[in-house]
């Protein structure tokens, strides 16, 4: 059975969006065929351990060293962790709370998760930080405006989040082969899209997603229909 096409987050949706639905479809199919060999879920766990559960930095760091076997990936995570620690060492927090996953409807059938890791209080204000861990090609331009416009809509529907100050913590590298640097972006500075344009963009994405799903299913049916060559027990296998 073929694995299901899905969109991991609203941030991924915004990153994949393009004017031409055929280009979105192509991107989604490519991502389906070539699933990345790692993800940043451990970093969200590390953020929660540090800030929500107040686990010591050295313990979180040791957990990454012990559990992540690939050296390049371990170094990648530790580089981010160091920047997280440096940033929040300079932030006075009155409280830190984890936040439940929300689902955002795109079209009639597509539900995309919105997973803010936490909110915190600082100086009487509530702050909602969004962590963008991509090292290259962070959201920019219209894609970034789409993302913050979608997040605005989610925040306004949630009484726990509607008054929060929305910040984007961008951990990307300024240039290829350079170390990551943390840039804190106040989402208030990002131009919003009107909801009519957002609706059109989401409709384009939903059309492309449905087309990508059909393409994947058709390819799977064609593969299943191919006759399988009978196995001859008298022949030795290539690696026998």
Protein backbone atom coordinates (compact mmCIF):
# COMPACT_ATOMS: atom_id res chain seq x y z
CA UNK A 1 0.00 0.00 0.00
CA UNK A 2 1.36 3.41 -0.99
CA UNK A 3 2.18 5.87 1.77
CA UNK A 4 -0.18 8.81 2.03
CA UNK A 5 0.73 12.22 0.69
CA UNK A 6 0.55 14.80 3.44
CA UNK A 7 1.62 18.33 4.28
CA UNK A 8 3.56 18.38 7.57
CA UNK A 9 2.73 21.95 8.61
CA UNK A 10 1.37 25.33 7.56
CA UNK A 11 4.98 26.43 7.16
CA UNK A 12 5.59 23.63 4.63
CA UNK A 13 2.41 24.60 2.79
CA UNK A 14 3.63 28.19 2.50
CA UNK A 15 7.06 27.07 1.37
CA UNK A 16 5.64 24.83 -1.37
CA UNK A 17 3.20 27.42 -2.68
CA UNK A 18 3.79 28.80 -6.19
CA UNK A 19 1.66 30.71 -8.67
CA UNK A 20 1.45 27.73 -11.04
CA UNK A 21 -0.44 24.75 -9.54
CA UNK A 22 1.52 22.40 -11.82
CA UNK A 23 4.72 23.51 -10.11
CA UNK A 24 3.19 22.90 -6.69
CA UNK A 25 2.08 19.45 -7.87
CA UNK A 26 5.58 18.66 -9.12
CA UNK A 27 7.12 19.77 -5.81
CA UNK A 28 4.69 17.65 -3.77
CA UNK A 29 5.33 14.55 -5.91
CA UNK A 30 9.09 15.05 -5.64
CA UNK A 31 8.84 15.36 -1.86
CA UNK A 32 6.73 12.21 -1.76
CA UNK A 33 9.27 10.27 -3.84
CA UNK A 34 12.32 11.63 -2.04
CA UNK A 35 11.45 11.92 1.61
CA UNK A 36 14.18 13.81 3.49
CA UNK A 37 16.49 11.57 5.50
CA UNK A 38 15.94 13.63 8.67
CA UNK A 39 13.59 16.16 10.20
CA UNK A 40 13.65 18.77 12.93
CA UNK A 41 11.20 17.10 15.32
CA UNK A 42 14.02 16.44 17.85
CA UNK A 43 14.66 20.18 17.99
CA UNK A 44 11.06 20.92 18.94
CA UNK A 45 11.45 18.31 21.66
CA UNK A 46 14.66 19.98 22.81
CA UNK A 47 12.94 23.39 22.94
CA UNK A 48 10.13 21.91 25.05
CA UNK A 49 12.62 20.18 27.38
CA UNK A 50 14.61 23.38 27.88
CA UNK A 51 11.83 25.91 28.25
CA UNK A 52 8.68 24.06 29.31
CA UNK A 53 10.21 21.37 31.54
CA UNK A 54 13.24 23.45 32.58
CA UNK A 55 15.65 20.62 31.85
CA UNK A 56 19.33 21.66 32.16
CA UNK A 57 21.00 22.58 28.89
CA UNK A 58 23.84 20.08 29.35
CA UNK A 59 21.35 17.24 29.80
CA UNK A 60 19.49 18.17 26.60
CA UNK A 61 22.79 18.46 24.78
CA UNK A 62 23.90 15.05 26.07
CA UNK A 63 20.60 13.54 24.95
CA UNK A 64 21.25 14.70 21.39
CA UNK A 65 24.84 13.45 21.48
CA UNK A 66 23.74 10.03 22.75
CA UNK A 67 20.72 9.52 20.50
CA UNK A 68 21.80 10.99 17.14
CA UNK A 69 24.26 8.67 15.44
CA UNK A 70 25.06 10.59 12.27
CA UNK A 71 27.81 13.09 13.04
CA UNK A 72 26.72 15.75 10.52
CA UNK A 73 23.14 15.63 11.79
CA UNK A 74 24.23 15.69 15.43
CA UNK A 75 26.37 18.77 14.72
CA UNK A 76 23.44 20.36 12.91
CA UNK A 77 21.14 19.89 15.91
CA UNK A 78 23.77 21.07 18.39
CA UNK A 79 24.42 24.22 16.38
CA UNK A 80 20.72 25.08 16.60
CA UNK A 81 20.56 24.17 20.28
CA UNK A 82 23.40 26.57 21.08
CA UNK A 83 21.56 29.43 19.35
CA UNK A 84 18.34 28.60 21.18
CA UNK A 85 20.15 28.69 24.52
CA UNK A 86 21.88 31.98 23.70
CA UNK A 87 18.60 33.61 22.70
CA UNK A 88 16.55 32.53 25.69
CA UNK A 89 19.34 33.25 28.16
CA UNK A 90 18.67 36.88 27.28
CA UNK A 91 14.89 36.60 27.70
CA UNK A 92 13.22 37.00 31.09
CA UNK A 93 10.22 34.67 31.17
CA UNK A 94 7.38 34.87 33.69
CA UNK A 95 5.92 31.56 32.53
CA UNK A 96 6.27 29.05 29.69
CA UNK A 97 3.41 26.83 28.47
CA UNK A 98 3.21 24.16 25.80
CA UNK A 99 0.49 24.54 23.15
CA UNK A 100 -1.74 21.86 21.64
CA UNK A 101 -1.75 21.05 17.93
CA UNK A 102 -4.38 22.80 15.82
CA UNK A 103 -5.63 21.63 12.42
CA UNK A 104 -6.16 24.09 9.57
CA UNK A 105 -8.61 23.19 6.81
CA UNK A 106 -7.44 23.73 3.22
CA UNK A 107 -10.15 22.98 0.70
CA UNK A 108 -12.81 20.40 1.50
CA UNK A 109 -10.67 17.48 2.63
CA UNK A 110 -7.10 18.60 3.36
CA UNK A 111 -6.25 19.27 7.01
CA UNK A 112 -2.81 20.72 7.74
CA UNK A 113 -1.38 20.71 11.29
CA UNK A 114 -0.34 23.88 13.04
CA UNK A 115 2.01 22.92 15.85
CA UNK A 116 3.29 25.85 17.89
CA UNK A 117 5.71 24.45 20.48
CA UNK A 118 5.03 26.97 23.24
CA UNK A 119 4.06 30.44 24.39
CA UNK A 120 5.71 32.40 27.17
CA UNK A 121 5.09 35.49 29.22
CA UNK A 122 7.69 38.24 29.38
CA UNK A 123 7.28 41.66 30.96
CA UNK A 124 3.51 41.37 31.02
CA UNK A 125 3.29 40.35 27.34
CA UNK A 126 2.49 36.94 25.88
CA UNK A 127 4.96 35.88 23.19
CA UNK A 128 4.36 33.21 20.57
CA UNK A 129 7.72 32.20 18.99
CA UNK A 130 7.70 30.23 15.76
CA UNK A 131 10.90 28.22 15.17
CA UNK A 132 12.06 27.98 11.56
CA UNK A 133 14.93 25.47 11.53
CA UNK A 134 15.61 25.28 7.78
CA UNK A 135 19.25 26.06 7.10
CA UNK A 136 18.61 27.37 3.59
CA UNK A 137 15.72 28.92 1.68
CA UNK A 138 13.72 30.24 4.63
CA UNK A 139 10.31 31.70 3.88
CA UNK A 140 10.45 35.06 2.14
CA UNK A 141 8.30 37.39 0.05
CA UNK A 142 4.77 36.28 -0.74
CA UNK A 143 5.33 32.83 0.78
CA UNK A 144 6.23 34.43 4.12
CA UNK A 145 3.21 36.75 3.88
CA UNK A 146 1.00 33.73 3.24
CA UNK A 147 2.36 31.96 6.30
CA UNK A 148 1.92 34.88 8.71
CA UNK A 149 -1.56 35.57 7.31
CA UNK A 150 -2.55 31.95 7.99
CA UNK A 151 -1.05 32.06 11.49
CA UNK A 152 -2.93 35.30 12.19
CA UNK A 153 -6.17 33.54 11.36
CA UNK A 154 -5.34 30.64 13.69
CA UNK A 155 -4.30 32.96 16.52
CA UNK A 156 -7.48 35.01 16.26
CA UNK A 157 -9.56 31.86 16.66
CA UNK A 158 -7.76 30.86 19.86
CA UNK A 159 -8.41 32.84 23.05
CA UNK A 160 -5.14 31.53 24.51
CA UNK A 161 -3.12 32.93 21.61
CA UNK A 162 -5.04 35.86 20.12
CA UNK A 163 -3.20 38.49 22.18
CA UNK A 164 0.26 36.96 21.75
CA UNK A 165 3.12 38.77 20.07
CA UNK A 166 4.09 36.63 17.10
CA UNK A 167 7.83 36.24 16.51
CA UNK A 168 9.63 34.14 13.92
CA UNK A 169 12.96 32.69 15.03
CA UNK A 170 14.87 32.05 11.81
CA UNK A 171 17.88 29.74 12.29
CA UNK A 172 19.05 29.76 8.66
CA UNK A 173 22.54 30.39 7.33
CA UNK A 174 23.03 33.80 5.68
CA UNK A 175 25.10 32.22 2.89
CA UNK A 176 25.91 28.68 1.75
CA UNK A 177 28.57 26.96 3.88
CA UNK A 178 28.37 29.65 6.56
CA UNK A 179 27.26 28.92 10.14
CA UNK A 180 23.67 29.46 11.11
CA UNK A 181 22.68 32.76 12.70
CA UNK A 182 19.50 33.43 14.61
CA UNK A 183 17.38 36.25 13.23
CA UNK A 184 14.35 37.23 15.29
CA UNK A 185 11.63 38.64 13.05
CA UNK A 186 8.68 40.54 14.48
CA UNK A 187 5.74 39.22 12.47
CA UNK A 188 4.14 42.67 12.69
CA UNK A 189 6.73 43.79 10.14
CA UNK A 190 5.61 41.21 7.57
CA UNK A 191 3.01 42.45 5.03
CA UNK A 192 -0.28 40.58 5.32
CA UNK A 193 -2.40 39.35 2.43
CA UNK A 194 -6.10 40.08 2.32
CA UNK A 195 -8.26 37.05 2.95
CA UNK A 196 -9.58 37.02 -0.61
CA UNK A 197 -6.05 36.49 -1.91
CA UNK A 198 -5.30 33.93 0.81
CA UNK A 199 -8.42 31.98 -0.17
CA UNK A 200 -7.36 31.96 -3.83
CA UNK A 201 -3.87 30.80 -2.92
CA UNK A 202 -5.23 27.98 -0.75
CA UNK A 203 -7.60 26.91 -3.52
CA UNK A 204 -4.62 26.74 -5.89
CA UNK A 205 -2.75 24.62 -3.36
CA UNK A 206 -5.72 22.31 -2.80
CA UNK A 207 -6.08 21.74 -6.56
CA UNK A 208 -2.36 20.97 -6.85
CA UNK A 209 -2.46 18.65 -3.84
CA UNK A 210 -5.39 16.66 -5.26
CA UNK A 211 -3.61 16.38 -8.62
CA UNK A 212 -0.41 15.20 -6.93
CA UNK A 213 -2.36 12.59 -4.97
CA UNK A 214 -3.99 11.31 -8.19
CA UNK A 215 -0.60 11.16 -9.92
CA UNK A 216 0.86 9.13 -7.08
CA UNK A 217 -2.11 6.76 -6.95
CA UNK A 218 -2.05 6.25 -10.73
CA UNK A 219 1.67 5.49 -10.64
CA UNK A 220 1.08 2.99 -7.83
CA UNK A 221 -1.75 1.26 -9.74
CA UNK A 222 0.44 1.06 -12.85
CA UNK A 223 3.25 -0.43 -10.79
CA UNK A 224 0.91 -2.98 -9.19
CA UNK A 225 -0.43 -3.98 -12.61
CA UNK A 226 3.00 -4.76 -14.05
CA UNK A 227 3.47 -8.51 -14.45
CA UNK A 228 6.10 -9.91 -12.13
CA UNK A 229 8.72 -12.12 -13.75
CA UNK A 230 8.55 -15.65 -12.30
CA UNK A 231 11.42 -16.49 -10.02
CA UNK A 232 13.64 -19.36 -11.15
CA UNK A 233 15.00 -21.20 -8.13
CA UNK A 234 17.79 -22.61 -10.31
CA UNK A 235 19.29 -19.15 -10.81
CA UNK A 236 21.56 -17.66 -8.17
CA UNK A 237 20.65 -14.27 -6.86
CA UNK A 238 22.93 -11.32 -7.53
CA UNK A 239 24.11 -11.19 -3.90
CA UNK A 240 24.00 -14.92 -3.15
